[in-house]
C-alpha atoms as a PDB file:
ATOM      1  CA  UNK A   1     -21.007  10.919  25.383  1.00  0.00           C
ATOM      2  CA  UNK A   2     -22.634   7.823  26.820  1.00  0.00           C
ATOM      3  CA  UNK A   3     -23.171   4.535  24.977  1.00  0.00           C
ATOM      4  CA  UNK A   4     -26.949   5.076  25.134  1.00  0.00           C
ATOM      5  CA  UNK A   5     -26.512   8.366  23.239  1.00  0.00           C
ATOM      6  CA  UNK A   6     -24.781   6.622  20.326  1.00  0.00           C
ATOM      7  CA  UNK A   7     -27.182   4.256  18.536  1.00  0.00           C
ATOM      8  CA  UNK A   8     -25.859   2.611  15.375  1.00  0.00           C
ATOM      9  CA  UNK A   9     -26.730   4.779  12.395  1.00  0.00           C
ATOM     10  CA  UNK A  10     -27.301   7.786  14.643  1.00  0.00           C
ATOM     11  CA  UNK A  11     -25.617  11.159  14.260  1.00  0.00           C
ATOM     12  CA  UNK A  12     -23.592  12.872  17.014  1.00  0.00           C
ATOM     13  CA  UNK A  13     -21.480  16.018  17.156  1.00  0.00           C
ATOM     14  CA  UNK A  14     -17.874  15.872  18.332  1.00  0.00           C
ATOM     15  CA  UNK A  15     -14.972  18.231  17.586  1.00  0.00           C
ATOM     16  CA  UNK A  16     -15.037  21.235  15.236  1.00  0.00           C
ATOM     17  CA  UNK A  17     -13.667  21.869  11.765  1.00  0.00           C
ATOM     18  CA  UNK A  18     -14.041  24.586   9.156  1.00  0.00           C
ATOM     19  CA  UNK A  19     -17.000  23.598   6.984  1.00  0.00           C
ATOM     20  CA  UNK A  20     -18.207  26.843   5.422  1.00  0.00           C
ATOM     21  CA  UNK A  21     -16.351  29.458   3.386  1.00  0.00           C
ATOM     22  CA  UNK A  22     -15.265  32.397   5.509  1.00  0.00           C
ATOM     23  CA  UNK A  23     -16.765  30.912   8.671  1.00  0.00           C
ATOM     24  CA  UNK A  24     -15.332  29.714  11.937  1.00  0.00           C
ATOM     25  CA  UNK A  25     -15.052  25.978  12.623  1.00  0.00           C
ATOM     26  CA  UNK A  26     -18.410  24.341  13.354  1.00  0.00           C
ATOM     27  CA  UNK A  27     -19.251  21.046  15.106  1.00  0.00           C
ATOM     28  CA  UNK A  28     -18.442  17.930  13.099  1.00  0.00           C
ATOM     29  CA  UNK A  29     -21.342  15.541  12.602  1.00  0.00           C
ATOM     30  CA  UNK A  30     -20.429  11.861  12.831  1.00  0.00           C
ATOM     31  CA  UNK A  31     -22.373   8.817  11.716  1.00  0.00           C
ATOM     32  CA  UNK A  32     -22.161   6.019  14.267  1.00  0.00           C
ATOM     33  CA  UNK A  33     -21.002   2.813  12.593  1.00  0.00           C
ATOM     34  CA  UNK A  34     -20.776   0.562  15.641  1.00  0.00           C
ATOM     35  CA  UNK A  35     -21.055   0.771  19.413  1.00  0.00           C
ATOM     36  CA  UNK A  36     -19.796  -2.001  21.698  1.00  0.00           C
ATOM     37  CA  UNK A  37     -20.734  -0.130  24.882  1.00  0.00           C
ATOM     38  CA  UNK A  38     -17.179   1.059  25.451  1.00  0.00           C
ATOM     39  CA  UNK A  39     -16.218   2.544  22.080  1.00  0.00           C
ATOM     40  CA  UNK A  40     -18.166   3.911  19.138  1.00  0.00           C
ATOM     41  CA  UNK A  41     -16.685   3.773  15.632  1.00  0.00           C
ATOM     42  CA  UNK A  42     -17.727   6.852  13.659  1.00  0.00           C
ATOM     43  CA  UNK A  43     -17.202   8.372  10.220  1.00  0.00           C
ATOM     44  CA  UNK A  44     -17.822  12.001   9.346  1.00  0.00           C
ATOM     45  CA  UNK A  45     -21.279  12.500   7.866  1.00  0.00           C
ATOM     46  CA  UNK A  46     -19.840  14.798   5.200  1.00  0.00           C
ATOM     47  CA  UNK A  47     -16.488  14.807   3.457  1.00  0.00           C
ATOM     48  CA  UNK A  48     -14.643  17.519   5.385  1.00  0.00           C
ATOM     49  CA  UNK A  49     -11.636  18.406   3.274  1.00  0.00           C
ATOM     50  CA  UNK A  50      -9.786  17.702   0.044  1.00  0.00           C
ATOM     51  CA  UNK A  51      -6.269  16.334   0.526  1.00  0.00           C
ATOM     52  CA  UNK A  52      -4.096  14.138  -1.680  1.00  0.00           C
ATOM     53  CA  UNK A  53      -3.440  10.568  -0.525  1.00  0.00           C
ATOM     54  CA  UNK A  54       0.229  11.301  -1.142  1.00  0.00           C
ATOM     55  CA  UNK A  55       2.106  14.416  -2.186  1.00  0.00           C
ATOM     56  CA  UNK A  56       3.753  12.797  -5.221  1.00  0.00           C
ATOM     57  CA  UNK A  57       3.110   9.924  -7.603  1.00  0.00           C
ATOM     58  CA  UNK A  58       5.019   6.973  -6.199  1.00  0.00           C
ATOM     59  CA  UNK A  59       4.402   3.604  -4.616  1.00  0.00           C
ATOM     60  CA  UNK A  60       3.031   4.118  -1.068  1.00  0.00           C
ATOM     61  CA  UNK A  61       0.585   2.571   1.369  1.00  0.00           C
ATOM     62  CA  UNK A  62      -1.359   3.961   4.326  1.00  0.00           C
ATOM     63  CA  UNK A  63       1.643   3.615   6.629  1.00  0.00           C
ATOM     64  CA  UNK A  64       3.858   5.771   4.386  1.00  0.00           C
ATOM     65  CA  UNK A  65       1.447   8.207   2.689  1.00  0.00           C
ATOM     66  CA  UNK A  66       1.474  11.937   3.412  1.00  0.00           C
ATOM     67  CA  UNK A  67      -2.297  11.954   4.130  1.00  0.00           C
ATOM     68  CA  UNK A  68      -1.798   9.771   7.209  1.00  0.00           C
ATOM     69  CA  UNK A  69       0.647  12.301   8.659  1.00  0.00           C
ATOM     70  CA  UNK A  70      -1.693  15.187   7.768  1.00  0.00           C
ATOM     71  CA  UNK A  71      -4.670  13.519   9.448  1.00  0.00           C
ATOM     72  CA  UNK A  72      -2.817  12.608  12.641  1.00  0.00           C
ATOM     73  CA  UNK A  73      -1.077  15.954  13.006  1.00  0.00           C
ATOM     74  CA  UNK A  74      -2.956  18.780  11.326  1.00  0.00           C
ATOM     75  CA  UNK A  75      -6.526  17.429  11.334  1.00  0.00           C
ATOM     76  CA  UNK A  76      -6.291  15.852  14.795  1.00  0.00           C
ATOM     77  CA  UNK A  77      -4.939  19.043  16.363  1.00  0.00           C
ATOM     78  CA  UNK A  78      -7.265  21.355  14.426  1.00  0.00           C
ATOM     79  CA  UNK A  79     -10.515  19.427  14.890  1.00  0.00           C
ATOM     80  CA  UNK A  80     -10.169  18.258  18.497  1.00  0.00           C
ATOM     81  CA  UNK A  81      -9.224  19.872  21.791  1.00  0.00           C
ATOM     82  CA  UNK A  82      -6.693  18.059  23.972  1.00  0.00           C
ATOM     83  CA  UNK A  83      -9.560  16.770  26.116  1.00  0.00           C
ATOM     84  CA  UNK A  84     -11.339  15.435  23.022  1.00  0.00           C
ATOM     85  CA  UNK A  85      -8.120  13.862  21.728  1.00  0.00           C
ATOM     86  CA  UNK A  86      -7.771  11.998  25.035  1.00  0.00           C
ATOM     87  CA  UNK A  87     -11.127  10.306  24.287  1.00  0.00           C
ATOM     88  CA  UNK A  88      -9.977   9.005  20.894  1.00  0.00           C
ATOM     89  CA  UNK A  89      -8.709   5.438  20.813  1.00  0.00           C
ATOM     90  CA  UNK A  90      -6.260   4.221  18.193  1.00  0.00           C
ATOM     91  CA  UNK A  91      -8.029   2.214  15.481  1.00  0.00           C
ATOM     92  CA  UNK A  92      -6.651  -1.006  14.002  1.00  0.00           C
ATOM     93  CA  UNK A  93      -4.499   1.175  11.739  1.00  0.00           C
ATOM     94  CA  UNK A  94      -2.749   2.490  14.867  1.00  0.00           C
ATOM     95  CA  UNK A  95      -4.126   6.005  14.288  1.00  0.00           C
ATOM     96  CA  UNK A  96      -6.500   8.179  16.294  1.00  0.00           C
ATOM     97  CA  UNK A  97      -7.859   9.503  12.996  1.00  0.00           C
ATOM     98  CA  UNK A  98      -7.845   7.475   9.795  1.00  0.00           C
ATOM     99  CA  UNK A  99      -9.833   6.660   6.684  1.00  0.00           C
ATOM    100  CA  UNK A 100     -11.978   3.577   6.269  1.00  0.00           C
ATOM    101  CA  UNK A 101     -10.451   0.705   4.368  1.00  0.00           C
ATOM    102  CA  UNK A 102     -12.400  -0.958   1.549  1.00  0.00           C
ATOM    103  CA  UNK A 103     -13.582  -3.832   3.744  1.00  0.00           C
ATOM    104  CA  UNK A 104     -14.955  -1.452   6.396  1.00  0.00           C
ATOM    105  CA  UNK A 105     -16.754   0.537   3.691  1.00  0.00           C
ATOM    106  CA  UNK A 106     -18.438  -2.708   2.589  1.00  0.00           C
ATOM    107  CA  UNK A 107     -19.333  -3.797   6.132  1.00  0.00           C
ATOM    108  CA  UNK A 108     -20.500  -0.476   7.601  1.00  0.00           C
ATOM    109  CA  UNK A 109     -22.551   0.676   4.605  1.00  0.00           C
ATOM    110  CA  UNK A 110     -25.311  -1.648   3.436  1.00  0.00           C
ATOM    111  CA  UNK A 111     -25.309  -0.517  -0.207  1.00  0.00           C
ATOM    112  CA  UNK A 112     -23.623   1.673  -2.773  1.00  0.00           C
ATOM    113  CA  UNK A 113     -26.420   4.208  -2.227  1.00  0.00           C
ATOM    114  CA  UNK A 114     -25.586   4.296   1.489  1.00  0.00           C
ATOM    115  CA  UNK A 115     -21.923   5.105   0.700  1.00  0.00           C
ATOM    116  CA  UNK A 116     -22.745   8.201  -1.377  1.00  0.00           C
ATOM    117  CA  UNK A 117     -21.353  11.253   0.401  1.00  0.00           C
ATOM    118  CA  UNK A 118     -21.654  15.006   0.014  1.00  0.00           C
ATOM    119  CA  UNK A 119     -18.924  17.503   0.777  1.00  0.00           C
ATOM    120  CA  UNK A 120     -18.854  20.536   2.978  1.00  0.00           C
ATOM    121  CA  UNK A 121     -18.622  23.914   1.312  1.00  0.00           C
ATOM    122  CA  UNK A 122     -15.041  24.120   2.577  1.00  0.00           C
ATOM    123  CA  UNK A 123     -14.045  20.780   0.982  1.00  0.00           C
ATOM    124  CA  UNK A 124     -15.561  21.906  -2.311  1.00  0.00           C
ATOM    125  CA  UNK A 125     -13.657  25.196  -2.080  1.00  0.00           C
ATOM    126  CA  UNK A 126     -10.457  23.192  -1.499  1.00  0.00           C
ATOM    127  CA  UNK A 127     -10.995  21.341  -4.784  1.00  0.00           C
ATOM    128  CA  UNK A 128     -13.050  18.226  -4.027  1.00  0.00           C
ATOM    129  CA  UNK A 129     -14.474  16.714  -7.196  1.00  0.00           C
ATOM    130  CA  UNK A 130     -18.277  16.631  -7.034  1.00  0.00           C
ATOM    131  CA  UNK A 131     -20.992  15.377  -9.357  1.00  0.00           C
ATOM    132  CA  UNK A 132     -24.121  17.185 -10.569  1.00  0.00           C
ATOM    133  CA  UNK A 133     -25.934  15.565  -7.612  1.00  0.00           C
ATOM    134  CA  UNK A 134     -23.311  16.994  -5.210  1.00  0.00           C
ATOM    135  CA  UNK A 135     -21.868  13.546  -4.453  1.00  0.00           C
ATOM    136  CA  UNK A 136     -18.096  13.364  -4.054  1.00  0.00           C
ATOM    137  CA  UNK A 137     -15.249  10.957  -4.607  1.00  0.00           C
ATOM    138  CA  UNK A 138     -13.891   9.989  -1.167  1.00  0.00           C
ATOM    139  CA  UNK A 139     -10.664   8.229  -0.337  1.00  0.00           C
ATOM    140  CA  UNK A 140     -10.194   4.911   1.419  1.00  0.00           C
ATOM    141  CA  UNK A 141      -6.970   3.936   3.167  1.00  0.00           C
ATOM    142  CA  UNK A 142      -6.630   0.814   1.019  1.00  0.00           C
ATOM    143  CA  UNK A 143      -4.286   0.937  -1.942  1.00  0.00           C
ATOM    144  CA  UNK A 144      -4.258  -1.025  -5.178  1.00  0.00           C
ATOM    145  CA  UNK A 145      -1.742  -3.742  -6.046  1.00  0.00           C
ATOM    146  CA  UNK A 146       0.956  -1.462  -7.422  1.00  0.00           C
ATOM    147  CA  UNK A 147       0.404   1.015  -4.554  1.00  0.00           C
ATOM    148  CA  UNK A 148       0.639   4.163  -6.645  1.00  0.00           C
ATOM    149  CA  UNK A 149      -3.169   4.085  -6.803  1.00  0.00           C
ATOM    150  CA  UNK A 150      -5.440   4.634  -3.804  1.00  0.00           C
ATOM    151  CA  UNK A 151      -8.887   3.058  -3.530  1.00  0.00           C
ATOM    152  CA  UNK A 152     -11.896   5.344  -3.240  1.00  0.00           C
ATOM    153  CA  UNK A 153     -15.690   5.503  -3.238  1.00  0.00           C
ATOM    154  CA  UNK A 154     -17.213   6.833  -6.461  1.00  0.00           C
ATOM    155  CA  UNK A 155     -20.015   9.334  -7.028  1.00  0.00           C
ATOM    156  CA  UNK A 156     -22.463   6.410  -7.192  1.00  0.00           C
ATOM    157  CA  UNK A 157     -21.158   4.864  -3.967  1.00  0.00           C
ATOM    158  CA  UNK A 158     -19.314   1.886  -5.394  1.00  0.00           C
ATOM    159  CA  UNK A 159     -15.822   1.024  -4.188  1.00  0.00           C
ATOM    160  CA  UNK A 160     -13.133   1.489  -6.812  1.00  0.00           C
ATOM    161  CA  UNK A 161     -10.365  -0.900  -5.735  1.00  0.00           C
ATOM    162  CA  UNK A 162      -7.968  -0.100  -8.591  1.00  0.00           C
ATOM    163  CA  UNK A 163      -8.251   3.508  -7.486  1.00  0.00           C
ATOM    164  CA  UNK A 164      -6.867   6.760  -8.711  1.00  0.00           C
ATOM    165  CA  UNK A 165      -3.300   8.086  -8.711  1.00  0.00           C
ATOM    166  CA  UNK A 166      -2.159   8.741  -5.140  1.00  0.00           C
ATOM    167  CA  UNK A 167      -1.289  12.343  -6.016  1.00  0.00           C
ATOM    168  CA  UNK A 168      -4.699  13.122  -7.564  1.00  0.00           C
ATOM    169  CA  UNK A 169      -5.639  16.399  -5.905  1.00  0.00           C
ATOM    170  CA  UNK A 170      -9.450  16.262  -5.983  1.00  0.00           C
ATOM    171  CA  UNK A 171     -10.433  13.440  -3.624  1.00  0.00           C
ATOM    172  CA  UNK A 172     -12.420  14.258  -0.507  1.00  0.00           C
ATOM    173  CA  UNK A 173     -11.741  12.776   2.904  1.00  0.00           C
ATOM    174  CA  UNK A 174     -14.147  11.366   5.485  1.00  0.00           C
ATOM    175  CA  UNK A 175     -12.230  10.880   8.713  1.00  0.00           C
ATOM    176  CA  UNK A 176     -13.014   7.881  10.888  1.00  0.00           C
ATOM    177  CA  UNK A 177     -12.546   7.822  14.683  1.00  0.00           C
ATOM    178  CA  UNK A 178     -13.010   5.434  17.586  1.00  0.00           C
ATOM    179  CA  UNK A 179     -14.499   7.360  20.513  1.00  0.00           C
ATOM    180  CA  UNK A 180     -14.214   6.205  24.122  1.00  0.00           C
ATOM    181  CA  UNK A 181     -17.714   6.393  25.618  1.00  0.00           C
ATOM    182  CA  UNK A 182     -18.541   7.498  29.148  1.00  0.00           C
ATOM    183  CA  UNK A 183     -19.845   4.865  31.541  1.00  0.00           C
END
């Protein structure tokens, strides 16, 4: 993918992940958040799965939560070929795949309305909590003061800093990547 093919706000396809019940993995659609000519920061257009921030209720942060391991082992190896993985740059979190933090969610989305996200059929099947308008609750990598609560984006798109219990099983995930662009 070239820089010219990745305008801010545009949608590109990269990698594959199961998105429909009983179907094979299909191309992941990514919303381009920024493009500096060398790298493009992207977030999945839809919430792709439903995974707990952490596998038990205890004080954790992004560095120690079970979701980080899941994203950088299972999701990374399932969604991307080795060639695609080689084009992923580590984000400021040190990960090739991560979640947005609360500050990024404020910067990259211009309004609460813009942060509203829908889930894939697969994420819904896996237990993602959705509203009557099909919006979902999606996790952020930020955690609240006592760290047994993870921040998230609500059905209406607002950021909930005091979060939900880290072991709450019905939060959707929107992976974020930093893609090396071709010259």
